[in-house]
Amino acid sequence: MSDIKFLWHRFWIWVRNILIFFFVSSLLAVIAFKWVPIYRTPLMYIRYCEQWLDGKEPVIKHQWVDLDQISRHMPLAAMGGEDTHFTEHSGFEEKEILRARLEALEGGRERGASTISQQTAKNVFLWPGHSWLRKGLEAYFTVLIENIWGKERIMEVYLNSIEMGDGIYGVQACAQEKFHKDACDLTRNECALIAATLPNPLTRDSANPNATVTKRSKRIKREMNAVKDPGWGKR
């Protein structure tokens, strides 16, 4: 075997081993997180570094709570604001993705069309960004969590990992910081206000809502009436 063929052979063995390691380790991680609480995510560390680089005191405010310790209104508000068909789709909303793509091609504002499942996959396993690599990995992890975790666990992880303010992650930390109560005691209106900030949690404040947040929260409350209640959260 020539030196070039030998090097190519070694290279492909190396690539194969890397891919096998990735698939096995990612599958094991998803299986473990079906039951294990998730206390830290890549986004938390990224934001921590950004705070430090901006000269701020870095902080991560987060406290894991089980879904039955979260107000029953919060899952409905999340679905009303982010993903009304969450309990029905298999992880992707093809129509919304196509609509968002067509709007961008026609010169409209580029907007996201990610489901709660996709956002959860990104929050827990990946990093922010719009590259094709990141999007491809997001789709891969979305398929895994949809098939291994199920909808209730995805919602539980989502509400515990989503960014809800500067250094604030998860609904328990948000409830304590913004409304001085636990997540289980949040009212319907407070849950709608929290959900109304999720597209831009660093610039929107659920405790001091501007006109945009107030208007969006009203729309979310209407959607909450239309969304089928899956029965999650503290009754």
C-alpha atoms as a PDB file:
ATOM      1  CA  MET A   1       0.000   0.000   0.000  1.00  0.00           C
ATOM      2  CA  SER A   2       1.396   3.387  -1.001  1.00  0.00           C
ATOM      3  CA  ASP A   3       1.916   6.085   1.599  1.00  0.00           C
ATOM      4  CA  ILE A   4      -1.018   8.149   0.226  1.00  0.00           C
ATOM      5  CA  LYS A   5      -3.409   5.179   0.298  1.00  0.00           C
ATOM      6  CA  PHE A   6      -2.227   4.323   3.797  1.00  0.00           C
ATOM      7  CA  LEU A   7      -2.877   7.887   4.997  1.00  0.00           C
ATOM      8  CA  TRP A   8      -6.333   7.937   3.391  1.00  0.00           C
ATOM      9  CA  HIS A   9      -7.131   4.604   5.004  1.00  0.00           C
ATOM     10  CA  ARG A  10      -6.048   5.880   8.409  1.00  0.00           C
ATOM     11  CA  PHE A  11      -8.012   9.086   7.875  1.00  0.00           C
ATOM     12  CA  TRP A  12     -11.292   7.267   7.140  1.00  0.00           C
ATOM     13  CA  ILE A  13     -10.775   4.967  10.105  1.00  0.00           C
ATOM     14  CA  TRP A  14     -10.346   8.070  12.256  1.00  0.00           C
ATOM     15  CA  VAL A  15     -13.522   9.659  10.807  1.00  0.00           C
ATOM     16  CA  ARG A  16     -15.472   6.422  11.301  1.00  0.00           C
ATOM     17  CA  ASN A  17     -14.384   6.167  14.934  1.00  0.00           C
ATOM     18  CA  ILE A  18     -15.314   9.802  15.594  1.00  0.00           C
ATOM     19  CA  LEU A  19     -18.782   9.265  14.108  1.00  0.00           C
ATOM     20  CA  ILE A  20     -19.338   6.062  16.074  1.00  0.00           C
ATOM     21  CA  PHE A  21     -18.270   7.810  19.283  1.00  0.00           C
ATOM     22  CA  PHE A  22     -20.617  10.739  18.565  1.00  0.00           C
ATOM     23  CA  PHE A  23     -23.649   8.575  17.851  1.00  0.00           C
ATOM     24  CA  VAL A  24     -23.104   6.292  20.837  1.00  0.00           C
ATOM     25  CA  SER A  25     -22.346   9.108  23.301  1.00  0.00           C
ATOM     26  CA  SER A  26     -25.237  11.287  22.105  1.00  0.00           C
ATOM     27  CA  LEU A  27     -27.669   8.382  22.326  1.00  0.00           C
ATOM     28  CA  LEU A  28     -26.512   7.535  25.854  1.00  0.00           C
ATOM     29  CA  ALA A  29     -26.797  11.204  26.885  1.00  0.00           C
ATOM     30  CA  VAL A  30     -30.362  11.452  25.589  1.00  0.00           C
ATOM     31  CA  ILE A  31     -31.311   8.210  27.363  1.00  0.00           C
ATOM     32  CA  ALA A  32     -29.787   9.427  30.643  1.00  0.00           C
ATOM     33  CA  PHE A  33     -31.504  12.814  30.435  1.00  0.00           C
ATOM     34  CA  LYS A  34     -34.875  11.104  30.146  1.00  0.00           C
ATOM     35  CA  TRP A  35     -34.684  10.834  33.944  1.00  0.00           C
ATOM     36  CA  VAL A  36     -31.708  12.906  35.166  1.00  0.00           C
ATOM     37  CA  PRO A  37     -32.338  16.623  35.922  1.00  0.00           C
ATOM     38  CA  ILE A  38     -30.375  18.984  33.673  1.00  0.00           C
ATOM     39  CA  TYR A  39     -28.692  21.645  35.789  1.00  0.00           C
ATOM     40  CA  ARG A  40     -26.423  23.254  33.193  1.00  0.00           C
ATOM     41  CA  THR A  41     -26.614  23.728  29.415  1.00  0.00           C
ATOM     42  CA  PRO A  42     -24.151  25.036  26.793  1.00  0.00           C
ATOM     43  CA  LEU A  43     -26.140  28.293  26.491  1.00  0.00           C
ATOM     44  CA  MET A  44     -25.730  29.000  30.197  1.00  0.00           C
ATOM     45  CA  TYR A  45     -21.945  28.818  29.906  1.00  0.00           C
ATOM     46  CA  ILE A  46     -21.936  30.858  26.681  1.00  0.00           C
ATOM     47  CA  ARG A  47     -23.970  33.638  28.304  1.00  0.00           C
ATOM     48  CA  TYR A  48     -21.735  33.423  31.404  1.00  0.00           C
ATOM     49  CA  CYS A  49     -18.666  34.093  29.249  1.00  0.00           C
ATOM     50  CA  GLU A  50     -20.461  36.907  27.397  1.00  0.00           C
ATOM     51  CA  GLN A  51     -21.310  38.595  30.710  1.00  0.00           C
ATOM     52  CA  TRP A  52     -17.694  38.351  31.806  1.00  0.00           C
ATOM     53  CA  LEU A  53     -16.421  39.782  28.498  1.00  0.00           C
ATOM     54  CA  ASP A  54     -18.905  42.663  28.809  1.00  0.00           C
ATOM     55  CA  GLY A  55     -17.502  43.526  32.222  1.00  0.00           C
ATOM     56  CA  LYS A  56     -20.568  42.323  34.105  1.00  0.00           C
ATOM     57  CA  GLU A  57     -20.601  40.030  37.094  1.00  0.00           C
ATOM     58  CA  PRO A  58     -21.300  36.599  35.563  1.00  0.00           C
ATOM     59  CA  VAL A  59     -24.316  34.847  37.024  1.00  0.00           C
ATOM     60  CA  ILE A  60     -26.401  31.753  36.316  1.00  0.00           C
ATOM     61  CA  LYS A  61     -29.759  31.691  38.091  1.00  0.00           C
ATOM     62  CA  HIS A  62     -31.363  28.298  37.678  1.00  0.00           C
ATOM     63  CA  GLN A  63     -33.238  25.801  39.799  1.00  0.00           C
ATOM     64  CA  TRP A  64     -34.613  22.549  38.445  1.00  0.00           C
ATOM     65  CA  VAL A  65     -38.212  21.702  39.352  1.00  0.00           C
ATOM     66  CA  ASP A  66     -40.321  18.769  38.225  1.00  0.00           C
ATOM     67  CA  LEU A  67     -43.268  19.462  35.943  1.00  0.00           C
ATOM     68  CA  ASP A  68     -45.755  18.823  38.747  1.00  0.00           C
ATOM     69  CA  GLN A  69     -44.113  21.716  40.637  1.00  0.00           C
ATOM     70  CA  ILE A  70     -44.885  24.163  37.830  1.00  0.00           C
ATOM     71  CA  SER A  71     -48.187  25.969  37.422  1.00  0.00           C
ATOM     72  CA  ARG A  72     -50.529  24.164  35.028  1.00  0.00           C
ATOM     73  CA  HIS A  73     -50.854  27.449  33.123  1.00  0.00           C
ATOM     74  CA  MET A  74     -47.172  27.512  32.115  1.00  0.00           C
ATOM     75  CA  PRO A  75     -47.144  24.600  29.635  1.00  0.00           C
ATOM     76  CA  LEU A  76     -50.284  26.034  28.027  1.00  0.00           C
ATOM     77  CA  ALA A  77     -48.684  29.480  27.802  1.00  0.00           C
ATOM     78  CA  ALA A  78     -45.531  28.012  26.266  1.00  0.00           C
ATOM     79  CA  MET A  79     -47.587  26.188  23.653  1.00  0.00           C
ATOM     80  CA  GLY A  80     -49.780  29.229  23.055  1.00  0.00           C
ATOM     81  CA  GLY A  81     -46.768  31.432  22.459  1.00  0.00           C
ATOM     82  CA  GLU A  82     -44.285  29.125  20.792  1.00  0.00           C
ATOM     83  CA  ASP A  83     -45.871  25.946  19.436  1.00  0.00           C
ATOM     84  CA  THR A  84     -49.657  25.488  19.400  1.00  0.00           C
ATOM     85  CA  HIS A  85     -49.391  22.034  17.793  1.00  0.00           C
ATOM     86  CA  PHE A  86     -46.715  20.753  20.171  1.00  0.00           C
ATOM     87  CA  THR A  87     -48.694  17.709  21.326  1.00  0.00           C
ATOM     88  CA  GLU A  88     -49.637  16.786  17.757  1.00  0.00           C
ATOM     89  CA  HIS A  89     -46.470  17.000  15.632  1.00  0.00           C
ATOM     90  CA  SER A  90     -43.468  14.683  15.619  1.00  0.00           C
ATOM     91  CA  GLY A  91     -40.941  17.407  16.394  1.00  0.00           C
ATOM     92  CA  PHE A  92     -41.165  19.586  13.275  1.00  0.00           C
ATOM     93  CA  GLU A  93     -43.780  21.925  11.829  1.00  0.00           C
ATOM     94  CA  GLU A  94     -43.143  21.612   8.104  1.00  0.00           C
ATOM     95  CA  LYS A  95     -45.767  24.201   7.157  1.00  0.00           C
ATOM     96  CA  GLU A  96     -44.307  26.810   9.495  1.00  0.00           C
ATOM     97  CA  ILE A  97     -40.766  26.123   8.284  1.00  0.00           C
ATOM     98  CA  LEU A  98     -41.874  26.528   4.664  1.00  0.00           C
ATOM     99  CA  ARG A  99     -43.875  29.677   5.439  1.00  0.00           C
ATOM    100  CA  ALA A 100     -40.926  31.277   7.252  1.00  0.00           C
ATOM    101  CA  ARG A 101     -38.598  30.372   4.384  1.00  0.00           C
ATOM    102  CA  LEU A 102     -40.942  31.866   1.766  1.00  0.00           C
ATOM    103  CA  GLU A 103     -41.313  35.063   3.793  1.00  0.00           C
ATOM    104  CA  ALA A 104     -37.519  35.416   3.975  1.00  0.00           C
ATOM    105  CA  LEU A 105     -37.130  34.797   0.218  1.00  0.00           C
ATOM    106  CA  GLU A 106     -39.762  37.456  -0.503  1.00  0.00           C
ATOM    107  CA  GLY A 107     -37.769  40.007   1.457  1.00  0.00           C
ATOM    108  CA  GLY A 108     -39.663  39.771   4.708  1.00  0.00           C
ATOM    109  CA  ARG A 109     -38.219  39.624   8.192  1.00  0.00           C
ATOM    110  CA  GLU A 110     -36.349  36.385   8.781  1.00  0.00           C
ATOM    111  CA  ARG A 111     -38.035  34.599  11.659  1.00  0.00           C
ATOM    112  CA  GLY A 112     -37.641  31.296  13.379  1.00  0.00           C
ATOM    113  CA  ALA A 113     -40.057  28.416  12.971  1.00  0.00           C
ATOM    114  CA  SER A 114     -38.609  26.088  15.586  1.00  0.00           C
ATOM    115  CA  THR A 115     -40.906  23.907  17.637  1.00  0.00           C
ATOM    116  CA  ILE A 116     -40.576  23.492  21.391  1.00  0.00           C
ATOM    117  CA  SER A 117     -38.890  20.148  20.670  1.00  0.00           C
ATOM    118  CA  GLN A 118     -36.290  21.792  18.412  1.00  0.00           C
ATOM    119  CA  GLN A 119     -35.651  24.568  20.913  1.00  0.00           C
ATOM    120  CA  THR A 120     -35.182  22.009  23.677  1.00  0.00           C
ATOM    121  CA  ALA A 121     -32.721  19.997  21.580  1.00  0.00           C
ATOM    122  CA  LYS A 122     -30.748  23.174  20.874  1.00  0.00           C
ATOM    123  CA  ASN A 123     -30.827  24.420  24.478  1.00  0.00           C
ATOM    124  CA  VAL A 124     -29.664  21.162  26.034  1.00  0.00           C
ATOM    125  CA  PHE A 125     -27.169  19.774  23.527  1.00  0.00           C
ATOM    126  CA  LEU A 126     -26.019  22.562  21.191  1.00  0.00           C
ATOM    127  CA  TRP A 127     -25.169  26.233  20.830  1.00  0.00           C
ATOM    128  CA  PRO A 128     -26.954  29.299  19.363  1.00  0.00           C
ATOM    129  CA  GLY A 129     -26.451  29.939  15.671  1.00  0.00           C
ATOM    130  CA  HIS A 130     -27.844  29.495  12.186  1.00  0.00           C
ATOM    131  CA  SER A 131     -25.256  27.316  10.471  1.00  0.00           C
ATOM    132  CA  TRP A 132     -26.304  24.247   8.512  1.00  0.00           C
ATOM    133  CA  LEU A 133     -24.196  22.079  10.833  1.00  0.00           C
ATOM    134  CA  ARG A 134     -26.015  23.379  13.910  1.00  0.00           C
ATOM    135  CA  LYS A 135     -29.394  22.975  12.222  1.00  0.00           C
ATOM    136  CA  GLY A 136     -28.540  19.430  11.138  1.00  0.00           C
ATOM    137  CA  LEU A 137     -27.492  18.434  14.641  1.00  0.00           C
ATOM    138  CA  GLU A 138     -30.619  20.096  16.024  1.00  0.00           C
ATOM    139  CA  ALA A 139     -32.785  17.936  13.739  1.00  0.00           C
ATOM    140  CA  TYR A 140     -30.865  14.815  14.825  1.00  0.00           C
ATOM    141  CA  PHE A 141     -31.334  15.519  18.543  1.00  0.00           C
ATOM    142  CA  THR A 142     -34.973  16.500  17.985  1.00  0.00           C
ATOM    143  CA  VAL A 143     -35.701  13.075  16.506  1.00  0.00           C
ATOM    144  CA  LEU A 144     -33.947  11.415  19.439  1.00  0.00           C
ATOM    145  CA  ILE A 145     -35.774  13.274  22.198  1.00  0.00           C
ATOM    146  CA  GLU A 146     -39.144  12.932  20.470  1.00  0.00           C
ATOM    147  CA  ASN A 147     -38.736   9.155  20.349  1.00  0.00           C
ATOM    148  CA  ILE A 148     -36.944   8.614  23.672  1.00  0.00           C
ATOM    149  CA  TRP A 149     -38.271  11.334  25.992  1.00  0.00           C
ATOM    150  CA  GLY A 150     -41.828  11.904  24.811  1.00  0.00           C
ATOM    151  CA  LYS A 151     -43.805  15.136  24.942  1.00  0.00           C
ATOM    152  CA  GLU A 152     -44.213  15.489  28.698  1.00  0.00           C
ATOM    153  CA  ARG A 153     -40.483  15.155  29.389  1.00  0.00           C
ATOM    154  CA  ILE A 154     -39.636  17.530  26.537  1.00  0.00           C
ATOM    155  CA  MET A 155     -41.940  20.161  28.056  1.00  0.00           C
ATOM    156  CA  GLU A 156     -40.418  19.601  31.501  1.00  0.00           C
ATOM    157  CA  VAL A 157     -36.880  20.073  30.182  1.00  0.00           C
ATOM    158  CA  TYR A 158     -37.926  23.038  28.035  1.00  0.00           C
ATOM    159  CA  LEU A 159     -39.470  24.917  30.968  1.00  0.00           C
ATOM    160  CA  ASN A 160     -36.363  24.220  33.049  1.00  0.00           C
ATOM    161  CA  SER A 161     -33.757  25.192  30.445  1.00  0.00           C
ATOM    162  CA  ILE A 162     -35.207  28.051  28.389  1.00  0.00           C
ATOM    163  CA  GLU A 163     -33.560  31.466  28.787  1.00  0.00           C
ATOM    164  CA  MET A 164     -35.999  33.832  30.534  1.00  0.00           C
ATOM    165  CA  GLY A 165     -33.834  36.875  31.253  1.00  0.00           C
ATOM    166  CA  ASP A 166     -30.263  38.025  31.705  1.00  0.00           C
ATOM    167  CA  GLY A 167     -28.664  35.122  33.564  1.00  0.00           C
ATOM    168  CA  ILE A 168     -32.093  33.609  34.288  1.00  0.00           C
ATOM    169  CA  TYR A 169     -32.891  30.087  33.068  1.00  0.00           C
ATOM    170  CA  GLY A 170     -36.016  28.081  33.673  1.00  0.00           C
ATOM    171  CA  VAL A 171     -39.410  28.988  35.014  1.00  0.00           C
ATOM    172  CA  GLN A 172     -38.556  28.500  38.717  1.00  0.00           C
ATOM    173  CA  ALA A 173     -35.720  31.044  38.627  1.00  0.00           C
ATOM    174  CA  CYS A 174     -37.876  33.391  36.541  1.00  0.00           C
ATOM    175  CA  ALA A 175     -40.814  33.132  38.958  1.00  0.00           C
ATOM    176  CA  GLN A 176     -38.570  33.897  41.922  1.00  0.00           C
ATOM    177  CA  GLU A 177     -36.706  36.769  40.253  1.00  0.00           C
ATOM    178  CA  LYS A 178     -39.639  38.432  38.503  1.00  0.00           C
ATOM    179  CA  PHE A 179     -42.676  37.635  40.672  1.00  0.00           C
ATOM    180  CA  HIS A 180     -41.118  36.627  44.025  1.00  0.00           C
ATOM    181  CA  LYS A 181     -42.907  33.294  44.164  1.00  0.00           C
ATOM    182  CA  ASP A 182     -42.395  29.676  43.156  1.00  0.00           C
ATOM    183  CA  ALA A 183     -43.264  28.352  39.702  1.00  0.00           C
ATOM    184  CA  CYS A 184     -46.167  26.355  41.110  1.00  0.00           C
ATOM    185  CA  ASP A 185     -47.888  29.578  42.245  1.00  0.00           C
ATOM    186  CA  LEU A 186     -47.713  31.494  38.948  1.00  0.00           C
ATOM    187  CA  THR A 187     -51.048  32.826  37.751  1.00  0.00           C
ATOM    188  CA  ARG A 188     -52.427  32.471  34.243  1.00  0.00           C
ATOM    189  CA  ASN A 189     -51.576  36.099  33.471  1.00  0.00           C
ATOM    190  CA  GLU A 190     -48.016  35.770  34.801  1.00  0.00           C
ATOM    191  CA  CYS A 191     -47.421  32.652  32.714  1.00  0.00           C
ATOM    192  CA  ALA A 192     -48.653  34.446  29.604  1.00  0.00           C
ATOM    193  CA  LEU A 193     -46.324  37.373  30.330  1.00  0.00           C
ATOM    194  CA  ILE A 194     -43.353  35.014  30.734  1.00  0.00           C
ATOM    195  CA  ALA A 195     -44.198  33.264  27.465  1.00  0.00           C
ATOM    196  CA  ALA A 196     -44.524  36.653  25.758  1.00  0.00           C
ATOM    197  CA  THR A 197     -40.849  37.408  26.500  1.00  0.00           C
ATOM    198  CA  LEU A 198     -39.432  34.146  25.146  1.00  0.00           C
ATOM    199  CA  PRO A 199     -38.608  35.328  21.607  1.00  0.00           C
ATOM    200  CA  ASN A 200     -36.342  38.038  23.094  1.00  0.00           C
ATOM    201  CA  PRO A 201     -35.801  37.323  26.814  1.00  0.00           C
ATOM    202  CA  LEU A 202     -32.786  39.639  27.069  1.00  0.00           C
ATOM    203  CA  THR A 203     -34.730  42.695  25.912  1.00  0.00           C
ATOM    204  CA  ARG A 204     -38.224  41.900  27.254  1.00  0.00           C
ATOM    205  CA  ASP A 205     -39.228  41.863  30.917  1.00  0.00           C
ATOM    206  CA  SER A 206     -42.205  39.856  32.164  1.00  0.00           C
ATOM    207  CA  ALA A 207     -42.300  41.793  35.454  1.00  0.00           C
ATOM    208  CA  ASN A 208     -42.285  45.183  33.696  1.00  0.00           C
ATOM    209  CA  PRO A 209     -43.959  44.481  30.366  1.00  0.00           C
ATOM    210  CA  ASN A 210     -43.866  47.057  27.595  1.00  0.00           C
ATOM    211  CA  ALA A 211     -46.629  47.465  25.032  1.00  0.00           C
ATOM    212  CA  THR A 212     -45.207  44.684  22.846  1.00  0.00           C
ATOM    213  CA  VAL A 213     -45.092  42.149  25.688  1.00  0.00           C
ATOM    214  CA  THR A 214     -48.569  43.134  26.909  1.00  0.00           C
ATOM    215  CA  LYS A 215     -50.071  42.780  23.426  1.00  0.00           C
ATOM    216  CA  ARG A 216     -48.354  39.451  22.852  1.00  0.00           C
ATOM    217  CA  SER A 217     -49.456  38.119  26.258  1.00  0.00           C
ATOM    218  CA  LYS A 218     -53.090  38.884  25.400  1.00  0.00           C
ATOM    219  CA  ARG A 219     -52.760  36.908  22.180  1.00  0.00           C
ATOM    220  CA  ILE A 220     -51.124  34.046  24.091  1.00  0.00           C
ATOM    221  CA  LYS A 221     -54.028  33.931  26.553  1.00  0.00           C
ATOM    222  CA  ARG A 222     -56.424  33.564  23.637  1.00  0.00           C
ATOM    223  CA  GLU A 223     -54.287  30.730  22.265  1.00  0.00           C
ATOM    224  CA  MET A 224     -54.247  29.084  25.710  1.00  0.00           C
ATOM    225  CA  ASN A 225     -58.019  28.770  25.504  1.00  0.00           C
ATOM    226  CA  ALA A 226     -57.728  27.009  22.148  1.00  0.00           C
ATOM    227  CA  VAL A 227     -54.837  24.675  22.992  1.00  0.00           C
ATOM    228  CA  LYS A 228     -55.844  21.234  24.212  1.00  0.00           C
ATOM    229  CA  ASP A 229     -54.804  20.936  27.868  1.00  0.00           C
ATOM    230  CA  PRO A 230     -52.538  17.857  28.231  1.00  0.00           C
ATOM    231  CA  GLY A 231     -52.966  17.965  32.021  1.00  0.00           C
ATOM    232  CA  TRP A 232     -49.343  18.796  32.880  1.00  0.00           C
ATOM    233  CA  GLY A 233     -48.262  20.919  35.811  1.00  0.00           C
ATOM    234  CA  LYS A 234     -49.664  21.584  39.270  1.00  0.00           C
ATOM    235  CA  ARG A 235     -53.458  21.600  39.185  1.00  0.00           C
END
